[in-house]
């Protein structure tokens, strides 16, 4: 009995999960990796098919490519998964990783399709606090008579708040004023491209910075260094959030306000991940990006 309890504590030490929900409940079911697969397949298909069908110069330009997708693709290529279908390797990697986690979890593989719609609604609701925070930041920028820039950079359409005058990066697509947006036919014609990019960011940034990176940090902080479980979780969340924010500044000038906002967003998504699992987290991130696109259109084009 003591050995069993010891094994449970050992598994607990390396786990990012903060709560254990009642067995068979909606919260417990939908936090399983298999639900992440079923829930995210439509998002994966939309991103892959949408990228192929649009096939515009915009999607081929590096500024709105999802960096996490490219990183994963490059890694798989170096591991020998190259060839004509290298573009299909990242989505397959997402599915294989989640199925592997489902297998080792020894949890039920059964899915209730009615839960998928509830997961979508939950993801939208979880995206709203971050939207509200962004609106508060924009309101503060207006009160300070600062010019507000809404940008979509190399990583995803999440990068949207800047207090500097004009675009701070040559790769940014900026909404510099109400009048400029009205005349910005380029952005209007590429709304779909921004939505597709946002969906990809939701999947692949959460895979890299939450599922993979936090798991690696938990292994280092908890199992190797020996930190207490809760302290290891907090440290893993903070470090991964800072790296999540920093990676968006690879191709643009550093801006403290944007860095802080993105770090907060990283912490927020990490908390969701530690409570609700990968599927809901990726869905919340994707819906956040999609809502931002429509808010840009509503606020700038109406």
Protein backbone atom coordinates (compact mmCIF):
# COMPACT_ATOMS: atom_id res chain seq x y z
CA UNK A 1 0.00 0.00 0.00
CA UNK A 2 2.82 2.38 0.88
CA UNK A 3 4.46 1.60 -2.45
CA UNK A 4 1.25 2.44 -4.33
CA UNK A 5 0.93 5.74 -2.50
CA UNK A 6 4.56 6.48 -3.28
CA UNK A 7 3.99 5.87 -6.98
CA UNK A 8 0.94 8.14 -6.90
CA UNK A 9 2.97 10.89 -5.22
CA UNK A 10 5.71 10.45 -7.81
CA UNK A 11 3.25 10.80 -10.68
CA UNK A 12 1.72 13.79 -8.91
CA UNK A 13 5.11 15.48 -8.53
CA UNK A 14 5.67 15.66 -12.26
CA UNK A 15 2.09 16.53 -13.12
CA UNK A 16 0.91 20.02 -14.09
CA UNK A 17 -2.71 19.26 -13.23
CA UNK A 18 -3.93 21.40 -10.33
CA UNK A 19 -7.31 19.77 -9.66
CA UNK A 20 -8.81 16.31 -9.84
CA UNK A 21 -12.41 16.55 -11.01
CA UNK A 22 -15.16 14.06 -10.18
CA UNK A 23 -14.78 10.92 -12.28
CA UNK A 24 -17.04 11.00 -15.32
CA UNK A 25 -18.03 14.65 -14.91
CA UNK A 26 -17.92 17.08 -17.83
CA UNK A 27 -14.80 18.75 -16.43
CA UNK A 28 -13.02 15.42 -15.99
CA UNK A 29 -14.05 14.03 -19.37
CA UNK A 30 -13.10 17.08 -21.40
CA UNK A 31 -9.69 17.43 -19.76
CA UNK A 32 -8.66 14.05 -21.20
CA UNK A 33 -6.22 14.15 -24.15
CA UNK A 34 -8.64 12.20 -26.37
CA UNK A 35 -11.12 15.06 -26.09
CA UNK A 36 -8.33 17.41 -27.16
CA UNK A 37 -7.90 15.35 -30.33
CA UNK A 38 -11.61 15.28 -31.19
CA UNK A 39 -12.13 18.94 -30.33
CA UNK A 40 -9.09 20.24 -32.21
CA UNK A 41 -9.35 18.20 -35.41
CA UNK A 42 -11.73 20.77 -37.01
CA UNK A 43 -9.29 23.56 -36.06
CA UNK A 44 -6.35 21.61 -37.52
CA UNK A 45 -8.25 20.92 -40.74
CA UNK A 46 -9.29 24.58 -41.05
CA UNK A 47 -5.69 25.75 -40.60
CA UNK A 48 -4.14 23.25 -43.03
CA UNK A 49 -6.84 23.40 -45.71
CA UNK A 50 -7.27 27.15 -45.34
CA UNK A 51 -3.55 27.74 -45.78
CA UNK A 52 -3.53 25.63 -48.94
CA UNK A 53 -6.71 27.08 -50.47
CA UNK A 54 -5.89 30.72 -49.88
CA UNK A 55 -2.33 30.29 -51.15
CA UNK A 56 -1.77 34.03 -51.36
CA UNK A 57 1.43 36.02 -51.13
CA UNK A 58 0.23 37.11 -47.70
CA UNK A 59 0.33 33.58 -46.33
CA UNK A 60 3.72 33.01 -47.91
CA UNK A 61 5.23 36.08 -46.27
CA UNK A 62 7.07 35.32 -43.05
CA UNK A 63 5.42 37.99 -40.90
CA UNK A 64 2.19 36.10 -40.29
CA UNK A 65 3.51 32.55 -40.33
CA UNK A 66 3.01 30.82 -37.01
CA UNK A 67 6.53 30.60 -35.61
CA UNK A 68 5.70 27.63 -33.39
CA UNK A 69 4.46 25.72 -36.44
CA UNK A 70 7.68 26.48 -38.32
CA UNK A 71 9.80 25.45 -35.33
CA UNK A 72 7.95 22.15 -35.05
CA UNK A 73 8.21 21.57 -38.79
CA UNK A 74 11.95 22.27 -38.79
CA UNK A 75 12.50 19.96 -35.82
CA UNK A 76 10.60 17.12 -37.47
CA UNK A 77 12.53 17.69 -40.69
CA UNK A 78 15.83 17.40 -38.82
CA UNK A 79 14.59 14.18 -37.26
CA UNK A 80 14.11 12.74 -40.71
CA UNK A 81 10.42 13.42 -41.29
CA UNK A 82 10.97 15.42 -44.46
CA UNK A 83 9.86 15.03 -48.03
CA UNK A 84 6.87 16.23 -49.97
CA UNK A 85 4.45 15.95 -47.06
CA UNK A 86 6.49 17.77 -44.40
CA UNK A 87 3.62 20.27 -44.09
CA UNK A 88 1.45 17.43 -42.73
CA UNK A 89 3.93 16.41 -40.03
CA UNK A 90 3.11 19.11 -37.40
CA UNK A 91 -0.64 18.34 -37.30
CA UNK A 92 0.15 14.63 -37.15
CA UNK A 93 2.57 15.34 -34.30
CA UNK A 94 -0.20 17.11 -32.36
CA UNK A 95 -2.54 14.15 -32.76
CA UNK A 96 0.14 11.52 -31.98
CA UNK A 97 1.29 13.37 -28.84
CA UNK A 98 -2.26 13.68 -27.51
CA UNK A 99 -3.08 10.05 -28.31
CA UNK A 100 0.12 8.97 -26.55
CA UNK A 101 -0.82 11.00 -23.47
CA UNK A 102 -4.28 9.46 -23.56
CA UNK A 103 -2.75 5.98 -23.70
CA UNK A 104 -0.42 6.49 -20.73
CA UNK A 105 -3.18 8.16 -18.70
CA UNK A 106 -5.17 4.91 -18.81
CA UNK A 107 -8.38 6.94 -18.83
CA UNK A 108 -11.50 6.13 -20.81
CA UNK A 109 -11.34 6.65 -24.58
CA UNK A 110 -15.07 7.27 -24.89
CA UNK A 111 -16.21 10.71 -26.07
CA UNK A 112 -19.61 12.33 -25.92
CA UNK A 113 -20.07 14.39 -29.05
CA UNK A 114 -22.45 16.70 -27.18
CA UNK A 115 -19.46 17.76 -25.06
CA UNK A 116 -17.68 19.21 -28.10
CA UNK A 117 -20.16 22.08 -28.45
CA UNK A 118 -19.91 22.76 -24.73
CA UNK A 119 -16.13 22.86 -25.07
CA UNK A 120 -16.43 25.42 -27.86
CA UNK A 121 -18.67 27.64 -25.74
CA UNK A 122 -16.33 27.24 -22.76
CA UNK A 123 -13.34 28.19 -24.91
CA UNK A 124 -15.08 31.35 -26.12
CA UNK A 125 -16.03 32.30 -22.55
CA UNK A 126 -12.44 31.75 -21.38
CA UNK A 127 -11.16 34.00 -24.17
CA UNK A 128 -13.31 36.93 -23.01
CA UNK A 129 -11.25 38.02 -19.94
CA UNK A 130 -8.18 38.46 -22.15
CA UNK A 131 -10.28 40.41 -24.65
CA UNK A 132 -11.48 42.64 -21.80
CA UNK A 133 -7.90 43.20 -20.65
CA UNK A 134 -6.89 44.21 -24.18
CA UNK A 135 -9.78 46.68 -24.37
CA UNK A 136 -8.75 48.21 -21.05
CA UNK A 137 -5.21 48.63 -22.35
CA UNK A 138 -6.54 50.26 -25.52
CA UNK A 139 -8.73 52.58 -23.45
CA UNK A 140 -5.71 53.54 -21.34
CA UNK A 141 -3.73 54.22 -24.50
CA UNK A 142 -6.44 56.54 -25.81
CA UNK A 143 -6.62 58.40 -22.51
CA UNK A 144 -2.89 59.04 -22.73
CA UNK A 145 -3.31 60.41 -26.27
CA UNK A 146 -1.14 57.60 -27.57
CA UNK A 147 -1.61 56.18 -31.02
CA UNK A 148 -2.99 52.65 -30.89
CA UNK A 149 -1.57 50.11 -33.30
CA UNK A 150 -3.29 46.81 -33.96
CA UNK A 151 -0.79 44.49 -35.54
CA UNK A 152 -0.48 40.98 -36.86
CA UNK A 153 3.15 39.92 -36.83
CA UNK A 154 5.13 36.83 -37.69
CA UNK A 155 3.73 34.76 -34.86
CA UNK A 156 -0.02 35.33 -34.83
CA UNK A 157 -2.74 37.97 -34.79
CA UNK A 158 -2.58 38.11 -31.03
CA UNK A 159 0.03 40.89 -31.20
CA UNK A 160 -2.20 43.91 -31.29
CA UNK A 161 -1.42 46.58 -28.69
CA UNK A 162 1.29 49.17 -29.21
CA UNK A 163 1.67 52.59 -27.63
CA UNK A 164 4.28 53.76 -30.11
CA UNK A 165 3.51 56.05 -33.02
CA UNK A 166 3.03 54.07 -36.17
CA UNK A 167 4.13 50.49 -36.75
CA UNK A 168 7.12 49.44 -34.66
CA UNK A 169 8.12 46.67 -37.04
CA UNK A 170 8.50 46.58 -40.79
CA UNK A 171 6.65 43.26 -40.77
CA UNK A 172 3.56 44.59 -38.98
CA UNK A 173 0.16 45.15 -40.50
CA UNK A 174 -1.09 48.24 -38.65
CA UNK A 175 -4.42 49.96 -38.12
CA UNK A 176 -3.08 53.43 -37.46
CA UNK A 177 -6.33 55.36 -37.34
CA UNK A 178 -10.01 55.09 -38.13
CA UNK A 179 -9.54 56.82 -41.48
CA UNK A 180 -6.58 54.64 -42.42
CA UNK A 181 -8.55 51.51 -41.66
CA UNK A 182 -11.47 52.61 -43.81
CA UNK A 183 -9.12 52.87 -46.75
CA UNK A 184 -7.15 49.75 -45.91
CA UNK A 185 -8.52 47.39 -48.55
CA UNK A 186 -5.44 45.21 -48.16
CA UNK A 187 -6.38 44.22 -44.61
CA UNK A 188 -10.07 43.82 -45.47
CA UNK A 189 -9.26 41.33 -48.21
CA UNK A 190 -7.08 39.26 -45.88
CA UNK A 191 -9.33 38.86 -42.86
CA UNK A 192 -9.62 35.15 -43.59
CA UNK A 193 -5.84 34.83 -43.68
CA UNK A 194 -5.62 36.43 -40.23
CA UNK A 195 -8.29 34.07 -38.89
CA UNK A 196 -6.44 31.03 -40.24
CA UNK A 197 -3.19 32.29 -38.75
CA UNK A 198 -4.90 32.79 -35.39
CA UNK A 199 -6.23 29.24 -35.43
CA UNK A 200 -2.75 27.90 -36.15
CA UNK A 201 -1.30 29.98 -33.33
CA UNK A 202 -3.86 28.59 -30.91
CA UNK A 203 -2.86 25.03 -31.72
CA UNK A 204 0.89 25.19 -32.18
CA UNK A 205 1.84 27.87 -29.66
CA UNK A 206 -0.09 26.00 -26.99
CA UNK A 207 1.62 22.78 -28.03
CA UNK A 208 5.11 24.30 -27.77
CA UNK A 209 4.77 26.72 -24.86
CA UNK A 210 2.26 24.91 -22.69
CA UNK A 211 2.12 21.18 -23.38
CA UNK A 212 5.80 20.66 -24.22
CA UNK A 213 7.63 23.49 -22.46
CA UNK A 214 5.76 23.34 -19.16
CA UNK A 215 6.16 19.55 -19.08
CA UNK A 216 9.91 19.94 -19.62
CA UNK A 217 10.17 22.60 -16.89
CA UNK A 218 8.20 20.42 -14.48
CA UNK A 219 10.66 17.61 -15.15
CA UNK A 220 13.58 19.95 -14.44
CA UNK A 221 12.20 21.89 -11.46
CA UNK A 222 10.27 19.12 -9.75
CA UNK A 223 11.94 15.82 -10.58
CA UNK A 224 15.58 16.91 -11.13
CA UNK A 225 16.02 19.93 -8.86
CA UNK A 226 13.51 18.69 -6.30
CA UNK A 227 11.31 21.75 -5.85
CA UNK A 228 7.98 21.32 -4.06
CA UNK A 229 5.22 20.47 -6.55
CA UNK A 230 3.23 23.71 -6.31
CA UNK A 231 6.37 25.86 -6.46
CA UNK A 232 7.51 23.93 -9.53
CA UNK A 233 4.16 24.60 -11.21
CA UNK A 234 4.31 28.33 -10.46
CA UNK A 235 7.90 28.64 -11.69
CA UNK A 236 7.16 26.59 -14.82
CA UNK A 237 4.16 28.78 -15.63
CA UNK A 238 6.07 32.04 -15.16
CA UNK A 239 9.14 30.98 -17.17
CA UNK A 240 7.08 29.53 -20.01
CA UNK A 241 4.90 32.66 -20.10
CA UNK A 242 7.96 34.92 -20.31
CA UNK A 243 9.40 32.82 -23.15
CA UNK A 244 5.99 32.81 -24.86
CA UNK A 245 6.00 36.60 -24.75
CA UNK A 246 9.66 36.92 -25.76
CA UNK A 247 9.28 34.75 -28.86
CA UNK A 248 6.87 37.30 -30.34
CA UNK A 249 9.64 39.90 -30.28
CA UNK A 250 12.01 37.92 -32.48
CA UNK A 251 11.30 40.08 -35.53
CA UNK A 252 10.14 43.32 -33.94
CA UNK A 253 11.50 45.97 -31.65
CA UNK A 254 10.99 45.27 -27.95
CA UNK A 255 8.02 47.04 -26.39
CA UNK A 256 7.54 46.72 -22.62
CA UNK A 257 3.76 47.15 -22.71
CA UNK A 258 3.32 44.44 -25.33
CA UNK A 259 5.77 42.16 -23.53
CA UNK A 260 3.89 42.51 -20.22
CA UNK A 261 0.53 41.91 -21.90
CA UNK A 262 1.79 38.81 -23.70
CA UNK A 263 3.34 37.50 -20.48
CA UNK A 264 0.00 37.94 -18.71
CA UNK A 265 -1.66 36.13 -21.61
CA UNK A 266 0.92 33.33 -21.29
CA UNK A 267 0.24 32.98 -17.57
CA UNK A 268 -3.50 32.97 -18.22
CA UNK A 269 -3.30 30.24 -20.85
CA UNK A 270 -0.94 28.23 -18.65
CA UNK A 271 -3.44 28.37 -15.76
CA UNK A 272 -6.20 27.19 -18.10
CA UNK A 273 -3.91 24.39 -19.28
CA UNK A 274 -3.13 23.29 -15.73
CA UNK A 275 -6.85 23.12 -14.89
CA UNK A 276 -8.65 22.18 -18.12
CA UNK A 277 -6.04 20.48 -20.28
CA UNK A 278 -4.71 21.10 -23.76
CA UNK A 279 -7.91 21.03 -25.83
CA UNK A 280 -9.70 23.84 -24.00
CA UNK A 281 -6.50 25.90 -23.79
CA UNK A 282 -5.82 25.70 -27.52
CA UNK A 283 -9.47 26.44 -28.22
CA UNK A 284 -9.47 29.50 -25.95
CA UNK A 285 -6.30 30.79 -27.64
CA UNK A 286 -7.71 30.23 -31.13
CA UNK A 287 -11.05 31.87 -30.31
CA UNK A 288 -9.22 34.78 -28.71
CA UNK A 289 -7.31 35.38 -31.95
CA UNK A 290 -10.48 35.03 -34.03
CA UNK A 291 -12.39 37.48 -31.85
CA UNK A 292 -9.51 39.96 -32.10
CA UNK A 293 -9.74 39.83 -35.91
CA UNK A 294 -13.47 40.60 -35.86
CA UNK A 295 -13.01 43.34 -33.25
CA UNK A 296 -10.39 44.93 -35.50
CA UNK A 297 -12.89 44.89 -38.35
CA UNK A 298 -15.77 46.13 -36.20
CA UNK A 299 -13.83 48.92 -34.52
CA UNK A 300 -11.86 49.93 -37.60
CA UNK A 301 -14.06 49.35 -40.62
CA UNK A 302 -17.61 50.15 -39.44
